[in-house]
N, C-alpha and C. Protein backbone atom coordinates (compact mmCIF):
# COMPACT_ATOMS: atom_id res chain seq x y z
N UNK A 1 5.43 -0.63 0.82
CA UNK A 1 4.83 1.10 0.35
C UNK A 1 5.75 1.32 1.61
N UNK A 2 6.15 2.44 1.94
CA UNK A 2 6.67 3.44 2.79
C UNK A 2 5.70 4.30 3.59
N UNK A 3 5.52 4.57 4.78
CA UNK A 3 4.85 5.52 5.42
C UNK A 3 5.64 6.68 6.50
N UNK A 4 5.28 7.84 6.23
CA UNK A 4 6.27 8.61 6.98
C UNK A 4 5.02 9.63 8.19
N UNK A 5 5.80 9.91 9.47
CA UNK A 5 5.06 10.41 10.23
C UNK A 5 5.03 12.18 9.89
N UNK A 6 3.80 12.22 9.97
CA UNK A 6 3.33 14.14 9.63
C UNK A 6 2.90 14.50 10.76
N UNK A 7 3.36 15.51 11.33
CA UNK A 7 2.79 16.01 12.68
C UNK A 7 2.43 15.10 13.75
N UNK A 8 3.56 14.29 13.78
CA UNK A 8 3.53 13.41 15.06
C UNK A 8 2.29 11.89 14.84
N UNK A 9 1.45 11.91 13.35
CA UNK A 9 0.67 10.88 13.21
C UNK A 9 1.43 10.31 11.86
N UNK A 10 1.33 8.88 11.86
CA UNK A 10 1.95 8.13 10.95
C UNK A 10 1.11 7.68 10.23
N UNK A 11 1.37 7.39 9.07
CA UNK A 11 0.77 7.05 7.77
C UNK A 11 0.86 5.50 7.88
N UNK A 12 -0.16 4.90 7.99
CA UNK A 12 -0.33 3.54 8.14
C UNK A 12 -0.50 2.87 6.72
N UNK A 13 -0.18 1.66 6.41
CA UNK A 13 -0.46 1.24 4.85
C UNK A 13 -1.25 -0.21 5.39
N UNK A 14 -2.49 -0.17 5.09
CA UNK A 14 -3.19 -1.52 5.25
C UNK A 14 -3.37 -2.04 3.85
N UNK A 15 -2.86 -3.33 3.57
CA UNK A 15 -3.23 -4.32 2.70
C UNK A 15 -4.50 -5.02 2.96
N UNK A 16 -5.69 -4.85 2.24
CA UNK A 16 -6.85 -5.13 2.24
C UNK A 16 -7.56 -5.91 1.27
N UNK A 17 -7.85 -7.20 1.45
CA UNK A 17 -8.28 -8.23 0.71
C UNK A 17 -10.14 -8.21 1.18
N UNK A 18 -10.30 -7.58 2.08
CA UNK A 18 -11.91 -7.95 2.14
C UNK A 18 -12.49 -6.75 2.12
N UNK A 19 -13.68 -7.39 1.82
CA UNK A 19 -14.74 -6.35 1.40
C UNK A 19 -15.14 -5.24 2.09
N UNK A 20 -15.45 -4.05 1.96
CA UNK A 20 -15.89 -3.23 2.73
C UNK A 20 -17.10 -2.53 2.27
N UNK A 21 -18.36 -2.02 3.06
CA UNK A 21 -19.57 -1.32 2.56
C UNK A 21 -20.50 -1.98 2.39
N UNK A 22 -21.56 -1.43 1.94
CA UNK A 22 -22.88 -1.98 1.29
C UNK A 22 -22.99 -2.29 0.22
N UNK A 23 -24.22 -2.41 -0.38
CA UNK A 23 -24.22 -2.75 -1.60
C UNK A 23 -23.99 -2.00 -2.84
N UNK A 24 -23.53 -0.60 -2.35
CA UNK A 24 -23.57 0.14 -3.34
C UNK A 24 -21.96 0.51 -3.03
N UNK A 25 -21.33 0.34 -2.08
CA UNK A 25 -20.01 0.69 -1.72
C UNK A 25 -19.01 0.38 -2.41
N UNK A 26 -17.92 0.51 -2.47
CA UNK A 26 -16.66 0.10 -3.20
C UNK A 26 -16.08 -1.05 -2.48
N UNK A 27 -15.77 -1.97 -3.19
CA UNK A 27 -15.47 -3.41 -2.66
C UNK A 27 -13.89 -3.03 -2.68
N UNK A 28 -13.30 -3.10 -1.62
CA UNK A 28 -11.01 -3.23 -1.59
C UNK A 28 -11.05 -4.60 -2.11
N UNK A 29 -10.45 -4.65 -3.50
CA UNK A 29 -9.97 -5.79 -4.07
C UNK A 29 -8.69 -6.15 -3.20
N UNK A 30 -8.19 -7.48 -4.34
CA UNK A 30 -6.81 -7.95 -3.72
C UNK A 30 -5.81 -7.27 -3.60
N UNK A 31 -5.57 -6.11 -4.93
CA UNK A 31 -4.57 -5.33 -5.29
C UNK A 31 -4.74 -4.09 -4.52
N UNK A 32 -5.91 -3.69 -4.28
CA UNK A 32 -6.28 -2.70 -3.46
C UNK A 32 -5.61 -2.27 -2.22
N UNK A 33 -5.33 -0.80 -2.25
CA UNK A 33 -4.43 -0.43 -0.30
C UNK A 33 -5.25 1.10 -0.13
N UNK A 34 -5.27 0.54 1.35
CA UNK A 34 -5.90 1.63 1.98
C UNK A 34 -4.77 2.16 3.08
N UNK A 35 -4.83 3.46 2.59
CA UNK A 35 -4.00 4.27 3.23
C UNK A 35 -4.46 5.12 4.46
N UNK A 36 -3.62 5.16 5.69
CA UNK A 36 -4.14 6.34 6.67
C UNK A 36 -3.87 8.05 6.18
N UNK A 37 -4.46 8.81 6.24
CA UNK A 37 -4.25 9.72 6.00
C UNK A 37 -4.34 11.11 7.06
N UNK A 38 -3.52 12.08 7.20
CA UNK A 38 -3.18 13.04 8.33
C UNK A 38 -4.80 13.93 8.16
N UNK A 39 -5.37 14.24 9.05
CA UNK A 39 -6.60 14.66 8.70
C UNK A 39 -6.13 16.29 9.16
N UNK A 40 -7.06 16.98 8.69
CA UNK A 40 -6.66 19.05 8.74
C UNK A 40 -8.28 19.15 9.21
N UNK A 41 -7.84 19.81 10.32
CA UNK A 41 -9.38 19.91 10.91
C UNK A 41 -10.91 20.84 10.03
N UNK A 42 -11.91 20.42 10.00
CA UNK A 42 -13.20 20.65 9.16
C UNK A 42 -13.21 22.11 9.22
N UNK A 43 -13.54 22.95 8.19
CA UNK A 43 -13.84 24.25 8.37
C UNK A 43 -14.86 24.54 7.74
N UNK A 44 -15.75 25.74 8.09
CA UNK A 44 -17.55 25.72 7.63
C UNK A 44 -17.33 26.97 6.81
N UNK A 45 -17.36 27.44 5.71
CA UNK A 45 -17.09 28.62 5.44
C UNK A 45 -17.66 28.96 3.81
N UNK A 46 -18.24 28.01 3.47
CA UNK A 46 -18.86 27.88 2.27
C UNK A 46 -20.09 28.36 2.17
N UNK A 47 -20.91 29.02 1.48
CA UNK A 47 -22.46 29.83 1.36
C UNK A 47 -22.91 29.29 -0.02
N UNK A 48 -23.95 29.54 -0.32
CA UNK A 48 -25.09 29.69 -1.47
C UNK A 48 -25.56 30.90 -1.25
N UNK A 49 -25.01 31.84 -2.74
CA UNK A 49 -25.82 33.37 -1.80
C UNK A 49 -27.38 33.24 -2.54
N UNK A 50 -27.79 32.63 -3.28
CA UNK A 50 -28.83 32.75 -4.22
C UNK A 50 -30.03 32.26 -3.22
N UNK A 51 -29.81 30.99 -2.01
CA UNK A 51 -31.06 30.42 -0.99
C UNK A 51 -31.39 32.08 -0.09
N UNK A 52 -32.84 31.75 0.36
CA UNK A 52 -33.40 32.82 1.17
C UNK A 52 -32.50 32.80 2.34
N UNK A 53 -32.49 31.76 2.86
CA UNK A 53 -31.57 32.19 4.00
C UNK A 53 -30.14 32.00 4.09
N UNK A 54 -29.38 31.94 5.08
CA UNK A 54 -27.89 31.80 5.01
C UNK A 54 -27.77 30.02 5.76
N UNK A 55 -27.16 29.86 4.60
CA UNK A 55 -26.65 27.96 5.01
C UNK A 55 -25.40 27.94 4.67
N UNK A 56 -24.49 27.18 5.53
CA UNK A 56 -23.51 26.99 5.63
C UNK A 56 -23.34 25.34 5.09
N UNK A 57 -21.91 25.44 4.67
CA UNK A 57 -21.87 23.98 4.18
C UNK A 57 -20.15 23.43 4.33
N UNK A 58 -20.08 22.51 5.04
CA UNK A 58 -18.76 22.15 5.33
C UNK A 58 -17.83 21.74 4.15
N UNK A 59 -16.45 22.23 4.25
CA UNK A 59 -15.53 21.92 3.55
C UNK A 59 -14.83 21.47 4.15
N UNK A 60 -14.21 19.98 4.27
CA UNK A 60 -13.22 18.86 4.35
C UNK A 60 -12.23 18.90 3.81
N UNK A 61 -10.78 18.88 4.73
CA UNK A 61 -9.62 19.01 3.88
C UNK A 61 -8.73 17.21 4.60
N UNK A 62 -7.98 16.64 4.09
CA UNK A 62 -6.84 15.82 4.45
C UNK A 62 -5.74 15.88 3.49
N UNK A 63 -4.56 16.00 4.80
CA UNK A 63 -3.41 16.34 3.96
C UNK A 63 -2.99 14.50 3.66
N UNK A 64 -2.13 14.21 2.75
CA UNK A 64 -2.02 12.84 2.29
C UNK A 64 -0.38 13.47 1.41
N UNK A 65 0.33 11.81 1.42
CA UNK A 65 1.71 11.95 1.24
C UNK A 65 1.93 10.83 0.54
N UNK A 66 2.32 11.12 -0.67
CA UNK A 66 2.27 9.92 -1.87
C UNK A 66 3.67 9.73 -2.21
N UNK A 67 4.15 8.61 -1.26
CA UNK A 67 5.54 8.12 -1.76
C UNK A 67 5.69 7.71 -2.88
N UNK A 68 5.07 7.15 -3.86
CA UNK A 68 5.09 6.36 -5.30
C UNK A 68 4.04 7.24 -6.26
N UNK A 69 4.31 7.22 -7.23
CA UNK A 69 3.58 7.80 -8.30
C UNK A 69 1.92 7.46 -7.85
N UNK A 70 1.14 8.42 -7.98
CA UNK A 70 -0.41 7.98 -8.11
C UNK A 70 -1.39 8.75 -9.08
N UNK A 71 -1.92 7.79 -10.11
CA UNK A 71 -2.70 8.64 -11.14
C UNK A 71 -4.26 8.91 -10.80
N UNK A 72 -4.33 10.03 -10.79
CA UNK A 72 -5.65 10.69 -10.60
C UNK A 72 -6.19 11.31 -11.84
N UNK A 73 -7.60 10.37 -12.20
CA UNK A 73 -7.10 11.13 -13.71
C UNK A 73 -6.24 10.90 -14.48
N UNK A 74 -5.85 12.13 -15.54
CA UNK A 74 -5.12 12.04 -16.24
C UNK A 74 -3.66 12.49 -15.71
N UNK A 75 -3.60 13.23 -14.55
CA UNK A 75 -2.69 13.46 -14.35
C UNK A 75 -1.73 12.59 -13.11
N UNK A 76 -0.26 12.65 -12.91
CA UNK A 76 0.56 11.57 -11.93
C UNK A 76 0.88 12.27 -10.85
N UNK A 77 0.83 12.17 -9.44
CA UNK A 77 0.79 12.80 -8.32
C UNK A 77 2.25 12.20 -7.44
N UNK A 78 3.02 12.88 -6.95
CA UNK A 78 3.79 12.11 -5.79
C UNK A 78 4.39 13.23 -5.14
N UNK A 79 4.36 12.89 -3.64
CA UNK A 79 4.54 14.28 -3.06
C UNK A 79 3.68 14.08 -2.06
N UNK A 80 3.54 15.84 -1.59
CA UNK A 80 2.53 16.08 -0.19
C UNK A 80 1.00 16.62 -0.83
N UNK A 81 0.26 16.53 -0.85
CA UNK A 81 -1.09 16.93 -1.00
C UNK A 81 -1.99 17.06 -0.44
N UNK A 82 -2.95 18.22 -0.46
CA UNK A 82 -4.30 18.64 0.30
C UNK A 82 -5.28 18.06 -0.58
N UNK A 83 -5.97 16.94 -0.02
CA UNK A 83 -7.39 16.42 -0.82
C UNK A 83 -8.38 17.23 0.22
N UNK A 84 -9.09 17.97 -0.48
CA UNK A 84 -10.50 19.06 -0.56
C UNK A 84 -11.73 18.28 -0.93
N UNK A 85 -12.94 18.50 0.13
CA UNK A 85 -14.12 17.88 -0.70
C UNK A 85 -14.92 19.36 0.02
N UNK A 86 -15.70 19.84 -1.20
CA UNK A 86 -16.59 20.89 -0.68
C UNK A 86 -17.85 20.69 -0.84
N UNK A 87 -18.75 20.81 -0.16
CA UNK A 87 -20.64 20.30 -0.58
C UNK A 87 -20.96 21.73 -1.19
N UNK A 88 -20.20 22.84 -0.56
CA UNK A 88 -21.13 24.02 -1.58
C UNK A 88 -20.46 23.96 -2.63
N UNK A 89 -19.22 23.73 -3.24
CA UNK A 89 -19.15 23.30 -4.67
C UNK A 89 -19.89 22.69 -5.17
N UNK A 90 -20.65 21.33 -4.52
CA UNK A 90 -20.89 20.30 -5.02
C UNK A 90 -22.41 20.97 -5.89
N UNK A 91 -23.19 21.66 -3.96
CA UNK A 91 -24.60 22.08 -4.47
C UNK A 91 -24.59 22.98 -5.64
N UNK A 92 -23.51 23.91 -6.05
CA UNK A 92 -23.90 24.98 -7.26
C UNK A 92 -23.35 24.03 -8.23
N UNK A 93 -23.02 22.59 -8.41
CA UNK A 93 -22.98 21.96 -9.54
C UNK A 93 -21.52 22.07 -10.05
N UNK A 94 -20.67 22.30 -9.30
CA UNK A 94 -18.93 22.27 -9.70
C UNK A 94 -18.33 21.44 -8.91
N UNK A 95 -17.35 21.16 -9.69
CA UNK A 95 -16.22 19.97 -9.19
C UNK A 95 -16.32 19.97 -7.50
N UNK A 96 -16.60 19.16 -6.70
CA UNK A 96 -16.69 19.37 -5.18
C UNK A 96 -15.44 18.95 -4.85
N UNK A 97 -14.53 18.06 -5.75
CA UNK A 97 -13.48 17.58 -4.99
C UNK A 97 -12.26 18.40 -5.65
N UNK A 98 -10.87 18.97 -4.49
CA UNK A 98 -9.89 19.42 -5.24
C UNK A 98 -8.45 18.88 -4.47
N UNK A 99 -7.45 18.80 -5.76
CA UNK A 99 -6.49 18.01 -4.55
C UNK A 99 -5.24 19.54 -5.22
N UNK A 100 -4.58 19.70 -4.31
CA UNK A 100 -3.54 20.84 -4.13
C UNK A 100 -2.46 19.96 -3.71
N UNK A 101 -1.32 20.94 -4.35
CA UNK A 101 -0.19 20.79 -4.11
C UNK A 101 0.03 21.25 -2.34
N UNK A 102 0.39 20.50 -1.19
CA UNK A 102 0.67 21.14 0.09
C UNK A 102 0.89 22.39 0.12
N UNK A 103 1.90 22.71 -0.95
CA UNK A 103 2.50 24.01 -0.40
C UNK A 103 2.05 25.52 -1.18
N UNK A 104 0.59 25.21 -1.96
CA UNK A 104 -0.07 25.97 -2.30
C UNK A 104 -1.28 26.02 -2.54
N UNK A 105 -2.32 26.42 -2.19
CA UNK A 105 -3.77 26.25 -2.47
C UNK A 105 -4.66 27.36 -3.17
N UNK A 106 -3.78 27.70 -4.38
CA UNK A 106 -3.83 28.69 -4.93
C UNK A 106 -4.65 28.05 -5.98
N UNK A 107 -4.47 26.97 -6.64
CA UNK A 107 -4.92 26.53 -7.60
C UNK A 107 -4.74 24.97 -7.77
N UNK A 108 -5.75 23.92 -7.76
CA UNK A 108 -5.70 22.72 -7.75
C UNK A 108 -4.99 22.11 -9.05
N UNK A 109 -4.29 21.18 -8.44
CA UNK A 109 -3.56 20.32 -9.19
C UNK A 109 -4.75 19.23 -10.13
N UNK A 110 -5.58 18.75 -9.38
CA UNK A 110 -6.78 17.96 -10.11
C UNK A 110 -7.87 18.24 -9.50
N UNK A 111 -9.14 18.55 -10.27
CA UNK A 111 -10.68 18.56 -9.67
C UNK A 111 -11.58 17.79 -10.59
N UNK A 112 -12.37 17.65 -9.65
CA UNK A 112 -13.20 16.36 -10.28
C UNK A 112 -14.39 16.35 -9.32
N UNK A 113 -15.96 16.00 -9.99
CA UNK A 113 -16.75 15.44 -9.41
C UNK A 113 -16.98 14.05 -8.74
N UNK A 114 -16.88 13.80 -7.28
CA UNK A 114 -16.70 12.72 -6.67
C UNK A 114 -17.81 11.79 -6.81
N UNK A 115 -17.71 10.45 -6.82
CA UNK A 115 -18.90 9.62 -6.64
C UNK A 115 -19.36 9.00 -5.14
N UNK A 116 -20.13 9.02 -4.50
CA UNK A 116 -20.40 8.77 -3.45
C UNK A 116 -20.82 7.00 -3.11
N UNK A 117 -19.98 6.52 -2.47
CA UNK A 117 -19.87 5.30 -2.11
C UNK A 117 -20.03 5.21 -0.70
N UNK A 118 -21.16 4.08 -0.47
CA UNK A 118 -21.28 3.65 0.61
C UNK A 118 -20.29 2.87 1.47
N UNK A 119 -20.03 2.97 2.59
CA UNK A 119 -18.79 2.20 3.25
C UNK A 119 -19.18 2.47 4.81
N UNK A 120 -18.77 1.49 5.43
CA UNK A 120 -18.61 1.91 7.19
C UNK A 120 -17.93 2.85 7.61
N UNK A 121 -18.32 3.24 8.78
CA UNK A 121 -17.65 4.56 9.06
C UNK A 121 -16.04 4.46 9.23
N UNK A 122 -15.51 5.55 8.84
CA UNK A 122 -14.17 5.74 9.36
C UNK A 122 -13.71 5.95 10.50
N UNK A 123 -12.98 5.53 11.22
CA UNK A 123 -12.40 6.00 12.43
C UNK A 123 -11.31 6.80 12.27
N UNK A 124 -10.47 6.83 10.97
CA UNK A 124 -9.68 7.72 10.60
C UNK A 124 -9.77 8.25 8.81
N UNK A 125 -8.72 9.28 8.44
CA UNK A 125 -9.31 9.14 7.36
C UNK A 125 -8.49 8.60 6.19
N UNK A 126 -8.71 8.26 5.35
CA UNK A 126 -7.91 7.44 4.29
C UNK A 126 -8.42 7.36 2.96
N UNK A 127 -7.47 6.50 2.25
CA UNK A 127 -7.53 6.86 0.65
C UNK A 127 -7.22 5.35 -0.01
N UNK A 128 -7.93 5.43 -0.76
CA UNK A 128 -7.92 4.19 -1.40
C UNK A 128 -7.02 3.86 -2.99
N UNK A 129 -6.16 3.32 -3.13
CA UNK A 129 -5.22 2.88 -4.07
C UNK A 129 -5.30 1.81 -4.35
N UNK A 130 -5.05 1.53 -5.96
CA UNK A 130 -5.19 0.10 -6.78
C UNK A 130 -4.00 0.38 -7.78
N UNK A 131 -3.09 -0.94 -6.94
CA UNK A 131 -1.79 -1.06 -8.29
C UNK A 131 -1.77 -1.47 -9.31
N UNK A 132 -1.07 -0.44 -10.51
CA UNK A 132 -1.14 -0.82 -11.93
C UNK A 132 -0.60 -1.57 -12.34
N UNK A 133 0.63 -2.50 -11.66
CA UNK A 133 1.61 -3.49 -11.45
C UNK A 133 2.30 -3.10 -12.35
N UNK A 134 2.77 -1.65 -12.39
CA UNK A 134 4.22 -1.15 -13.09
C UNK A 134 4.89 -0.86 -12.47
N UNK A 135 6.08 -0.95 -12.90
CA UNK A 135 7.95 -1.18 -11.97
C UNK A 135 8.32 -0.26 -11.26
N UNK A 136 7.32 0.98 -11.83
CA UNK A 136 7.72 2.33 -10.57
C UNK A 136 6.58 2.50 -9.57
N UNK A 137 5.93 1.07 -9.08
CA UNK A 137 4.91 0.83 -8.45
C UNK A 137 3.71 2.17 -7.98
N UNK A 138 3.51 2.42 -9.65
CA UNK A 138 2.54 3.81 -9.86
C UNK A 138 0.91 2.57 -9.29
N UNK A 139 0.57 3.47 -8.27
CA UNK A 139 -1.29 3.28 -8.17
C UNK A 139 -2.16 3.93 -8.77
N UNK A 140 -3.54 3.91 -8.64
CA UNK A 140 -4.58 4.91 -9.37
C UNK A 140 -5.18 5.17 -7.84
N UNK A 141 -5.71 6.69 -7.62
CA UNK A 141 -6.53 6.70 -6.47
C UNK A 141 -7.86 6.67 -6.89
N UNK A 142 -8.70 5.46 -6.04
CA UNK A 142 -10.31 5.10 -6.16
C UNK A 142 -10.81 5.78 -5.19
N UNK A 143 -10.25 5.90 -3.95
CA UNK A 143 -11.79 6.89 -3.04
C UNK A 143 -10.54 7.65 -2.22
N UNK A 144 -11.46 8.24 -1.24
CA UNK A 144 -11.12 8.87 0.10
C UNK A 144 -12.04 9.24 0.83
N UNK A 145 -12.09 8.92 2.44
CA UNK A 145 -12.55 8.81 2.91
C UNK A 145 -12.63 9.85 4.39
N UNK A 146 -13.39 10.75 4.87
CA UNK A 146 -13.18 11.27 6.38
C UNK A 146 -13.18 10.80 7.55
N UNK A 147 -12.54 11.02 8.44
CA UNK A 147 -12.94 10.40 9.93
C UNK A 147 -14.40 10.16 10.12
N UNK A 148 -14.98 9.69 10.18
CA UNK A 148 -16.33 9.92 11.07
C UNK A 148 -17.35 9.99 10.33
N UNK A 149 -16.73 9.73 9.02
CA UNK A 149 -18.04 9.75 7.98
C UNK A 149 -18.34 8.36 7.64
N UNK A 150 -19.72 8.13 7.29
CA UNK A 150 -19.93 7.02 6.61
C UNK A 150 -20.15 6.45 5.49
N UNK A 151 -19.90 7.59 4.38
CA UNK A 151 -19.64 7.30 3.43
C UNK A 151 -17.69 7.71 2.35
N UNK A 152 -17.64 7.03 1.16
CA UNK A 152 -16.21 7.85 0.74
C UNK A 152 -16.91 8.60 -0.40
N UNK A 153 -15.93 9.29 -1.09
CA UNK A 153 -16.14 9.97 -2.31
C UNK A 153 -15.09 9.28 -2.86
N UNK A 154 -15.59 8.63 -4.26
CA UNK A 154 -15.20 7.83 -4.99
C UNK A 154 -14.54 9.14 -6.31
N UNK A 155 -13.32 8.06 -6.89
CA UNK A 155 -12.76 9.80 -8.22
C UNK A 155 -13.43 8.74 -9.11
N UNK A 156 -13.84 9.62 -10.25
CA UNK A 156 -14.19 8.88 -11.44
C UNK A 156 -13.51 8.27 -12.27
N UNK A 157 -13.89 7.44 -12.82
CA UNK A 157 -13.10 6.40 -13.93
C UNK A 157 -12.91 7.23 -15.03
N UNK A 158 -11.84 7.23 -15.60
CA UNK A 158 -11.41 7.29 -17.00
C UNK A 158 -11.12 6.75 -18.15
N UNK A 159 -11.74 6.81 -19.11
CA UNK A 159 -11.40 6.02 -19.83
C UNK A 159 -11.02 5.97 -21.32
């Protein structure tokens, strides 16, 4: 796999065969790959209108560049994207994760309810993909984790 520098920070590819996380965490398998992602500063701008007090929920984003095709649900992504997790949407029962084309944040390419995964604290934002063993190098997005978080956000499996 190839990694490119974005904004002066290189995306590093780590081949991980060791298990990470606790009993309910996602364990990296022999063919899973953990990729660094370029973090975009966290913003806090979501509110729930029906609460008696003003409560703000964080929305976090990371920028990723998929050099090979990556399957997310029923979509195939390739190129630069922004993965956004919004606790405000999650609290309202809406899909908490949106993935946008990096050049257009108006409409998500993919939206889903993530699964919480217990992991060790991440020092940098990462995404975890699994090889699908195809000639074109296609992988499947399994999870993503923001720097400083103790948990990861798992992508729901589709059958």
